[in-house]
Amino acid sequence: MTLTVAGEPLIAFLLASVRIAAWMAVVPPFSGRSVPPMAKAVLSLGLAFAVAPSGQQIPATTIGLLMNVFTQVLIGVAMGFVCRLLFEAIAAAGSLIDVFGGFSLASGFDPMSMNNTTVFGKFHQMLATVLLFVSGGYLIVIGGLLKTFEFLPLGTSPEWNTFEGVLLTAFDLFFTTAVQIALPLIAVLFIADIGLALLTKVAPQLNAINVMFPVKIGLTLLLVGLTFPVLPGAIDHLVDLSTQAMSTMSGAG
């Protein structure tokens, strides 16, 4: 028995999987070491079945195929970087809390992300990942990625000038979201520092080191607990921003 496979649909299927694989190589948690490379490859090929066109518009020449592969990699990496930047705002807010709460001294090496992370920075990142999967937001983000194949089909080049504006907006939202989440906690911790400093002036015999660190640790833990109700809404907002960013980059709006 002889099996035959049409060349154009197969090429379209592989190109679609290249864009999805490049996106997954950047977006957490798929980009982490906790997800095996084989699982990423199988997931990319599986999702490509849902969006792969017939491939009639894709050039069959060697140079054309190489250019299309390179274009799909750039599109996937750019969209993935924007999504990663937006979701990292939660971890950045935790890192700001570490700095003002004194927990940045306890930073350690994270073998999963291959970089140094702080206590609440890593905690907020893991909490955001859990909320993303529990709320089903990851399905919306993946659906937004698959939707880009309708507005930016295989074999076509995007308008690269729109990517610059989306990246700048993503950077702006990254800092804005991180500061909005951490600013109330930072303000309270700053006031606590001023109060402890005034206390050492009023009572010089009081050992400031023995008092300051336990008070700030307890206050930081209390304030972090009060931020938990805010994080689900922040995740929903970041999911919407990620889908809008990918839609804009694909030329839909």
C-alpha atoms as a PDB file:
ATOM      1  CA  MET A   1       0.000   0.000   0.000  1.00  0.00           C
ATOM      2  CA  THR A   2       1.334   3.408  -1.007  1.00  0.00           C
ATOM      3  CA  LEU A   3       0.536   6.550   0.934  1.00  0.00           C
ATOM      4  CA  THR A   4       0.697   9.878  -0.843  1.00  0.00           C
ATOM      5  CA  VAL A   5       0.653  13.302   0.767  1.00  0.00           C
ATOM      6  CA  ALA A   6      -0.090  16.514  -1.102  1.00  0.00           C
ATOM      7  CA  GLY A   7       2.881  18.849  -0.966  1.00  0.00           C
ATOM      8  CA  GLU A   8       1.122  22.225  -0.613  1.00  0.00           C
ATOM      9  CA  PRO A   9      -1.095  21.342   2.376  1.00  0.00           C
ATOM     10  CA  LEU A  10       1.884  19.701   4.099  1.00  0.00           C
ATOM     11  CA  ILE A  11       4.017  22.820   3.632  1.00  0.00           C
ATOM     12  CA  ALA A  12       1.205  25.008   4.942  1.00  0.00           C
ATOM     13  CA  PHE A  13       0.796  22.730   7.962  1.00  0.00           C
ATOM     14  CA  LEU A  14       4.520  22.859   8.774  1.00  0.00           C
ATOM     15  CA  LEU A  15       4.681  26.643   8.371  1.00  0.00           C
ATOM     16  CA  ALA A  16       1.718  27.068  10.703  1.00  0.00           C
ATOM     17  CA  SER A  17       3.428  24.868  13.279  1.00  0.00           C
ATOM     18  CA  VAL A  18       6.582  26.993  12.962  1.00  0.00           C
ATOM     19  CA  ARG A  19       4.715  30.168  13.962  1.00  0.00           C
ATOM     20  CA  ILE A  20       3.037  28.394  16.887  1.00  0.00           C
ATOM     21  CA  ALA A  21       6.292  26.776  18.042  1.00  0.00           C
ATOM     22  CA  ALA A  22       8.129  30.115  17.907  1.00  0.00           C
ATOM     23  CA  TRP A  23       5.344  31.670  19.988  1.00  0.00           C
ATOM     24  CA  MET A  24       5.514  28.883  22.577  1.00  0.00           C
ATOM     25  CA  ALA A  25       9.293  29.192  22.795  1.00  0.00           C
ATOM     26  CA  VAL A  26       8.865  32.693  24.251  1.00  0.00           C
ATOM     27  CA  VAL A  27       5.575  32.707  26.181  1.00  0.00           C
ATOM     28  CA  PRO A  28       5.571  31.421  29.766  1.00  0.00           C
ATOM     29  CA  PRO A  29       4.907  28.824  31.057  1.00  0.00           C
ATOM     30  CA  PHE A  30       5.458  26.997  27.756  1.00  0.00           C
ATOM     31  CA  SER A  31       8.925  28.532  27.430  1.00  0.00           C
ATOM     32  CA  GLY A  32      10.100  27.147  30.778  1.00  0.00           C
ATOM     33  CA  ARG A  33      11.978  23.936  31.362  1.00  0.00           C
ATOM     34  CA  SER A  34       8.969  22.486  33.139  1.00  0.00           C
ATOM     35  CA  VAL A  35       7.404  21.846  29.717  1.00  0.00           C
ATOM     36  CA  PRO A  36       9.430  19.232  27.756  1.00  0.00           C
ATOM     37  CA  PRO A  37      10.481  20.142  24.205  1.00  0.00           C
ATOM     38  CA  MET A  38       8.636  17.093  22.859  1.00  0.00           C
ATOM     39  CA  ALA A  39       5.414  18.320  24.463  1.00  0.00           C
ATOM     40  CA  LYS A  40       5.879  21.750  22.861  1.00  0.00           C
ATOM     41  CA  ALA A  41       6.459  20.142  19.443  1.00  0.00           C
ATOM     42  CA  VAL A  42       3.409  17.886  19.720  1.00  0.00           C
ATOM     43  CA  LEU A  43       1.229  20.766  20.925  1.00  0.00           C
ATOM     44  CA  SER A  44       2.434  22.997  18.066  1.00  0.00           C
ATOM     45  CA  LEU A  45       1.688  20.322  15.469  1.00  0.00           C
ATOM     46  CA  GLY A  46      -1.713  19.633  17.027  1.00  0.00           C
ATOM     47  CA  LEU A  47      -2.746  23.292  17.014  1.00  0.00           C
ATOM     48  CA  ALA A  48      -1.499  23.666  13.443  1.00  0.00           C
ATOM     49  CA  PHE A  49      -4.142  21.181  12.267  1.00  0.00           C
ATOM     50  CA  ALA A  50      -6.850  23.720  13.182  1.00  0.00           C
ATOM     51  CA  VAL A  51      -5.423  26.599  11.150  1.00  0.00           C
ATOM     52  CA  ALA A  52      -3.387  25.133   8.298  1.00  0.00           C
ATOM     53  CA  PRO A  53      -4.821  26.293   4.929  1.00  0.00           C
ATOM     54  CA  SER A  54      -4.524  24.534   1.610  1.00  0.00           C
ATOM     55  CA  GLY A  55      -1.195  26.242   0.909  1.00  0.00           C
ATOM     56  CA  GLN A  56      -2.010  27.469  -2.603  1.00  0.00           C
ATOM     57  CA  GLN A  57      -0.649  30.976  -1.873  1.00  0.00           C
ATOM     58  CA  ILE A  58       2.700  29.752  -0.498  1.00  0.00           C
ATOM     59  CA  PRO A  59       5.667  29.906  -2.905  1.00  0.00           C
ATOM     60  CA  ALA A  60       7.068  26.452  -3.652  1.00  0.00           C
ATOM     61  CA  THR A  61      10.592  27.645  -4.444  1.00  0.00           C
ATOM     62  CA  THR A  62      13.448  27.070  -2.018  1.00  0.00           C
ATOM     63  CA  ILE A  63      14.085  30.775  -1.443  1.00  0.00           C
ATOM     64  CA  GLY A  64      10.384  31.464  -1.009  1.00  0.00           C
ATOM     65  CA  LEU A  65      10.010  28.677   1.545  1.00  0.00           C
ATOM     66  CA  LEU A  66      13.048  29.842   3.501  1.00  0.00           C
ATOM     67  CA  MET A  67      11.720  33.394   3.550  1.00  0.00           C
ATOM     68  CA  ASN A  68       8.340  32.151   4.737  1.00  0.00           C
ATOM     69  CA  VAL A  69       9.916  30.090   7.514  1.00  0.00           C
ATOM     70  CA  PHE A  70      11.961  33.098   8.643  1.00  0.00           C
ATOM     71  CA  THR A  71       8.864  35.317   8.506  1.00  0.00           C
ATOM     72  CA  GLN A  72       6.777  32.887  10.564  1.00  0.00           C
ATOM     73  CA  VAL A  73       9.545  32.642  13.177  1.00  0.00           C
ATOM     74  CA  LEU A  74       9.713  36.435  13.457  1.00  0.00           C
ATOM     75  CA  ILE A  75       5.930  36.730  13.724  1.00  0.00           C
ATOM     76  CA  GLY A  76       5.729  34.033  16.399  1.00  0.00           C
ATOM     77  CA  VAL A  77       8.623  35.443  18.432  1.00  0.00           C
ATOM     78  CA  ALA A  78       7.283  39.019  18.230  1.00  0.00           C
ATOM     79  CA  MET A  79       3.777  38.029  19.317  1.00  0.00           C
ATOM     80  CA  GLY A  80       5.161  35.767  22.014  1.00  0.00           C
ATOM     81  CA  PHE A  81       7.439  38.496  23.340  1.00  0.00           C
ATOM     82  CA  VAL A  82       4.509  40.907  23.662  1.00  0.00           C
ATOM     83  CA  CYS A  83       2.456  38.302  25.554  1.00  0.00           C
ATOM     84  CA  ARG A  84       5.415  37.455  27.784  1.00  0.00           C
ATOM     85  CA  LEU A  85       6.038  41.129  28.513  1.00  0.00           C
ATOM     86  CA  LEU A  86       2.444  41.682  29.571  1.00  0.00           C
ATOM     87  CA  PHE A  87       2.263  38.613  31.818  1.00  0.00           C
ATOM     88  CA  GLU A  88       5.640  39.389  33.409  1.00  0.00           C
ATOM     89  CA  ALA A  89       4.052  42.533  34.889  1.00  0.00           C
ATOM     90  CA  ILE A  90       2.703  40.386  37.742  1.00  0.00           C
ATOM     91  CA  ALA A  91       6.195  39.076  38.545  1.00  0.00           C
ATOM     92  CA  ALA A  92       7.621  42.608  38.261  1.00  0.00           C
ATOM     93  CA  ALA A  93       5.085  43.797  40.837  1.00  0.00           C
ATOM     94  CA  GLY A  94       6.268  41.055  43.178  1.00  0.00           C
ATOM     95  CA  SER A  95       9.888  42.084  42.612  1.00  0.00           C
ATOM     96  CA  LEU A  96       9.024  45.684  43.545  1.00  0.00           C
ATOM     97  CA  ILE A  97       7.464  44.422  46.759  1.00  0.00           C
ATOM     98  CA  ASP A  98      10.672  42.475  47.462  1.00  0.00           C
ATOM     99  CA  VAL A  99      12.792  45.588  47.026  1.00  0.00           C
ATOM    100  CA  PHE A 100      10.772  47.775  49.378  1.00  0.00           C
ATOM    101  CA  GLY A 101       9.977  44.962  51.802  1.00  0.00           C
ATOM    102  CA  GLY A 102      13.584  43.875  52.208  1.00  0.00           C
ATOM    103  CA  PHE A 103      13.105  40.429  50.651  1.00  0.00           C
ATOM    104  CA  SER A 104      15.398  41.198  47.710  1.00  0.00           C
ATOM    105  CA  LEU A 105      18.311  40.158  49.924  1.00  0.00           C
ATOM    106  CA  ALA A 106      17.021  36.585  49.700  1.00  0.00           C
ATOM    107  CA  SER A 107      17.171  36.311  45.900  1.00  0.00           C
ATOM    108  CA  GLY A 108      18.164  32.948  44.505  1.00  0.00           C
ATOM    109  CA  PHE A 109      18.851  31.195  41.214  1.00  0.00           C
ATOM    110  CA  ASP A 110      15.830  29.701  39.501  1.00  0.00           C
ATOM    111  CA  PRO A 111      16.875  26.661  37.415  1.00  0.00           C
ATOM    112  CA  MET A 112      13.601  26.735  35.461  1.00  0.00           C
ATOM    113  CA  SER A 113      13.980  30.269  34.116  1.00  0.00           C
ATOM    114  CA  MET A 114      17.806  30.268  34.350  1.00  0.00           C
ATOM    115  CA  ASN A 115      18.030  33.628  36.135  1.00  0.00           C
ATOM    116  CA  ASN A 116      18.007  35.111  39.610  1.00  0.00           C
ATOM    117  CA  THR A 117      14.567  35.652  41.089  1.00  0.00           C
ATOM    118  CA  THR A 118      13.326  37.185  44.313  1.00  0.00           C
ATOM    119  CA  VAL A 119      10.898  35.610  46.746  1.00  0.00           C
ATOM    120  CA  PHE A 120       7.676  37.421  45.906  1.00  0.00           C
ATOM    121  CA  GLY A 121       8.704  37.885  42.269  1.00  0.00           C
ATOM    122  CA  LYS A 122       8.761  34.121  41.773  1.00  0.00           C
ATOM    123  CA  PHE A 123       5.703  33.659  43.976  1.00  0.00           C
ATOM    124  CA  HIS A 124       3.649  36.128  41.947  1.00  0.00           C
ATOM    125  CA  GLN A 125       4.840  34.547  38.712  1.00  0.00           C
ATOM    126  CA  MET A 126       3.727  31.086  39.861  1.00  0.00           C
ATOM    127  CA  LEU A 127       0.460  32.510  41.168  1.00  0.00           C
ATOM    128  CA  ALA A 128      -0.213  34.237  37.838  1.00  0.00           C
ATOM    129  CA  THR A 129       0.455  30.968  35.991  1.00  0.00           C
ATOM    130  CA  VAL A 130      -1.982  29.090  38.231  1.00  0.00           C
ATOM    131  CA  LEU A 131      -4.670  31.749  37.794  1.00  0.00           C
ATOM    132  CA  LEU A 132      -4.110  31.721  34.028  1.00  0.00           C
ATOM    133  CA  PHE A 133      -4.822  27.994  33.821  1.00  0.00           C
ATOM    134  CA  VAL A 134      -7.576  27.871  36.441  1.00  0.00           C
ATOM    135  CA  SER A 135      -9.527  30.720  34.848  1.00  0.00           C
ATOM    136  CA  GLY A 136      -9.107  29.303  31.345  1.00  0.00           C
ATOM    137  CA  GLY A 137      -7.298  32.429  30.190  1.00  0.00           C
ATOM    138  CA  TYR A 138      -4.644  30.362  28.442  1.00  0.00           C
ATOM    139  CA  LEU A 139      -7.327  29.069  26.056  1.00  0.00           C
ATOM    140  CA  ILE A 140      -8.265  32.645  25.163  1.00  0.00           C
ATOM    141  CA  VAL A 141      -4.628  33.556  24.513  1.00  0.00           C
ATOM    142  CA  ILE A 142      -4.025  30.462  22.372  1.00  0.00           C
ATOM    143  CA  GLY A 143      -7.292  31.153  20.541  1.00  0.00           C
ATOM    144  CA  GLY A 144      -6.072  34.692  19.878  1.00  0.00           C
ATOM    145  CA  LEU A 145      -2.883  33.274  18.387  1.00  0.00           C
ATOM    146  CA  LEU A 146      -4.823  30.906  16.116  1.00  0.00           C
ATOM    147  CA  LYS A 147      -7.093  33.791  15.090  1.00  0.00           C
ATOM    148  CA  THR A 148      -4.071  35.635  13.655  1.00  0.00           C
ATOM    149  CA  PHE A 149      -3.898  33.093  10.830  1.00  0.00           C
ATOM    150  CA  GLU A 150      -7.163  34.515   9.460  1.00  0.00           C
ATOM    151  CA  PHE A 151      -5.908  38.104   9.352  1.00  0.00           C
ATOM    152  CA  LEU A 152      -2.277  37.238   8.591  1.00  0.00           C
ATOM    153  CA  PRO A 153      -2.354  34.119   6.377  1.00  0.00           C
ATOM    154  CA  LEU A 154       0.681  32.046   5.557  1.00  0.00           C
ATOM    155  CA  GLY A 155       2.615  33.325   2.571  1.00  0.00           C
ATOM    156  CA  THR A 156       1.916  36.989   3.368  1.00  0.00           C
ATOM    157  CA  SER A 157       4.135  39.503   5.136  1.00  0.00           C
ATOM    158  CA  PRO A 158       2.814  41.637   8.006  1.00  0.00           C
ATOM    159  CA  GLU A 159       3.064  45.392   8.264  1.00  0.00           C
ATOM    160  CA  TRP A 160       6.222  45.542  10.342  1.00  0.00           C
ATOM    161  CA  ASN A 161       5.713  49.207  11.221  1.00  0.00           C
ATOM    162  CA  THR A 162       2.755  48.245  13.433  1.00  0.00           C
ATOM    163  CA  PHE A 163       4.977  45.960  15.497  1.00  0.00           C
ATOM    164  CA  GLU A 164       6.980  48.913  16.816  1.00  0.00           C
ATOM    165  CA  GLY A 165       3.905  50.667  18.169  1.00  0.00           C
ATOM    166  CA  VAL A 166       2.589  47.471  19.770  1.00  0.00           C
ATOM    167  CA  LEU A 167       5.939  46.792  21.462  1.00  0.00           C
ATOM    168  CA  LEU A 168       6.138  50.331  22.844  1.00  0.00           C
ATOM    169  CA  THR A 169       2.572  50.073  24.125  1.00  0.00           C
ATOM    170  CA  ALA A 170       3.373  46.683  25.701  1.00  0.00           C
ATOM    171  CA  PHE A 171       6.383  48.179  27.503  1.00  0.00           C
ATOM    172  CA  ASP A 172       4.192  51.027  28.739  1.00  0.00           C
ATOM    173  CA  LEU A 173       1.505  48.628  29.991  1.00  0.00           C
ATOM    174  CA  PHE A 174       4.160  46.415  31.585  1.00  0.00           C
ATOM    175  CA  PHE A 175       5.469  49.206  33.815  1.00  0.00           C
ATOM    176  CA  THR A 176       2.005  50.684  34.401  1.00  0.00           C
ATOM    177  CA  THR A 177       0.458  47.385  35.498  1.00  0.00           C
ATOM    178  CA  ALA A 178       3.388  46.461  37.737  1.00  0.00           C
ATOM    179  CA  VAL A 179       3.343  49.843  39.460  1.00  0.00           C
ATOM    180  CA  GLN A 180      -0.453  49.843  39.851  1.00  0.00           C
ATOM    181  CA  ILE A 181      -0.353  46.462  41.600  1.00  0.00           C
ATOM    182  CA  ALA A 182       2.628  47.221  43.844  1.00  0.00           C
ATOM    183  CA  LEU A 183       2.165  50.962  44.481  1.00  0.00           C
ATOM    184  CA  PRO A 184      -0.252  50.693  47.459  1.00  0.00           C
ATOM    185  CA  LEU A 185       2.080  48.217  49.146  1.00  0.00           C
ATOM    186  CA  ILE A 186       5.129  50.343  48.393  1.00  0.00           C
ATOM    187  CA  ALA A 187       3.428  53.413  49.864  1.00  0.00           C
ATOM    188  CA  VAL A 188       2.546  51.586  53.088  1.00  0.00           C
ATOM    189  CA  LEU A 189       6.058  50.140  53.406  1.00  0.00           C
ATOM    190  CA  PHE A 190       7.594  53.558  52.774  1.00  0.00           C
ATOM    191  CA  ILE A 191       5.434  55.093  55.498  1.00  0.00           C
ATOM    192  CA  ALA A 192       6.456  52.236  57.802  1.00  0.00           C
ATOM    193  CA  ASP A 193      10.130  53.011  57.120  1.00  0.00           C
ATOM    194  CA  ILE A 194       9.549  56.662  57.992  1.00  0.00           C
ATOM    195  CA  GLY A 195       7.717  55.674  61.170  1.00  0.00           C
ATOM    196  CA  LEU A 196      10.508  53.337  62.260  1.00  0.00           C
ATOM    197  CA  ALA A 197      13.087  56.011  61.499  1.00  0.00           C
ATOM    198  CA  LEU A 198      11.200  58.514  63.644  1.00  0.00           C
ATOM    199  CA  LEU A 199      10.908  55.882  66.372  1.00  0.00           C
ATOM    200  CA  THR A 200      14.694  55.511  66.508  1.00  0.00           C
ATOM    201  CA  LYS A 201      14.971  59.302  66.889  1.00  0.00           C
ATOM    202  CA  VAL A 202      12.474  59.360  69.724  1.00  0.00           C
ATOM    203  CA  ALA A 203      14.006  56.345  71.452  1.00  0.00           C
ATOM    204  CA  PRO A 204      17.697  56.150  70.513  1.00  0.00           C
ATOM    205  CA  GLN A 205      18.241  53.275  72.925  1.00  0.00           C
ATOM    206  CA  LEU A 206      15.925  51.144  70.776  1.00  0.00           C
ATOM    207  CA  ASN A 207      17.864  48.829  68.481  1.00  0.00           C
ATOM    208  CA  ALA A 208      16.454  49.719  65.069  1.00  0.00           C
ATOM    209  CA  ILE A 209      17.795  46.618  63.337  1.00  0.00           C
ATOM    210  CA  ASN A 210      16.110  44.229  65.761  1.00  0.00           C
ATOM    211  CA  VAL A 211      12.794  46.029  65.382  1.00  0.00           C
ATOM    212  CA  MET A 212      12.753  47.053  61.729  1.00  0.00           C
ATOM    213  CA  PHE A 213      13.192  43.702  60.012  1.00  0.00           C
ATOM    214  CA  PRO A 214      10.522  41.730  61.939  1.00  0.00           C
ATOM    215  CA  VAL A 215       8.029  44.573  61.585  1.00  0.00           C
ATOM    216  CA  LYS A 216       8.618  44.955  57.844  1.00  0.00           C
ATOM    217  CA  ILE A 217       8.472  41.202  57.265  1.00  0.00           C
ATOM    218  CA  GLY A 218       5.144  40.890  59.063  1.00  0.00           C
ATOM    219  CA  LEU A 219       3.741  43.994  57.369  1.00  0.00           C
ATOM    220  CA  THR A 220       4.850  42.786  53.927  1.00  0.00           C
ATOM    221  CA  LEU A 221       3.256  39.372  54.400  1.00  0.00           C
ATOM    222  CA  LEU A 222       0.028  41.020  55.534  1.00  0.00           C
ATOM    223  CA  LEU A 223      -0.066  43.396  52.582  1.00  0.00           C
ATOM    224  CA  VAL A 224       0.730  40.662  50.065  1.00  0.00           C
ATOM    225  CA  GLY A 225      -2.199  38.679  51.390  1.00  0.00           C
ATOM    226  CA  LEU A 226      -4.448  41.675  50.832  1.00  0.00           C
ATOM    227  CA  THR A 227      -3.410  41.838  47.139  1.00  0.00           C
ATOM    228  CA  PHE A 228      -4.670  38.332  46.305  1.00  0.00           C
ATOM    229  CA  PRO A 229      -8.231  39.477  45.421  1.00  0.00           C
ATOM    230  CA  VAL A 230      -6.767  41.932  42.881  1.00  0.00           C
ATOM    231  CA  LEU A 231      -4.746  39.398  40.895  1.00  0.00           C
ATOM    232  CA  PRO A 232      -7.639  37.561  39.113  1.00  0.00           C
ATOM    233  CA  GLY A 233      -8.896  40.842  37.662  1.00  0.00           C
ATOM    234  CA  ALA A 234      -5.367  41.774  36.613  1.00  0.00           C
ATOM    235  CA  ILE A 235      -4.938  38.415  34.847  1.00  0.00           C
ATOM    236  CA  ASP A 236      -8.222  38.863  32.951  1.00  0.00           C
ATOM    237  CA  HIS A 237      -7.130  42.348  31.899  1.00  0.00           C
ATOM    238  CA  LEU A 238      -3.728  41.096  30.720  1.00  0.00           C
ATOM    239  CA  VAL A 239      -5.372  38.271  28.757  1.00  0.00           C
ATOM    240  CA  ASP A 240      -7.543  40.812  26.924  1.00  0.00           C
ATOM    241  CA  LEU A 241      -4.519  43.019  26.238  1.00  0.00           C
ATOM    242  CA  SER A 242      -2.539  40.054  24.876  1.00  0.00           C
ATOM    243  CA  THR A 243      -5.265  39.057  22.429  1.00  0.00           C
ATOM    244  CA  GLN A 244      -5.694  42.686  21.336  1.00  0.00           C
ATOM    245  CA  ALA A 245      -1.945  43.048  20.813  1.00  0.00           C
ATOM    246  CA  MET A 246      -1.737  39.924  18.652  1.00  0.00           C
ATOM    247  CA  SER A 247      -4.799  41.026  16.716  1.00  0.00           C
ATOM    248  CA  THR A 248      -3.220  44.422  16.028  1.00  0.00           C
ATOM    249  CA  MET A 249       0.077  42.866  14.968  1.00  0.00           C
ATOM    250  CA  SER A 250      -1.749  40.597  12.525  1.00  0.00           C
ATOM    251  CA  GLY A 251      -3.436  43.619  10.944  1.00  0.00           C
ATOM    252  CA  ALA A 252      -6.953  43.017  12.279  1.00  0.00           C
ATOM    253  CA  GLY A 253      -7.261  46.353  14.005  1.00  0.00           C
END
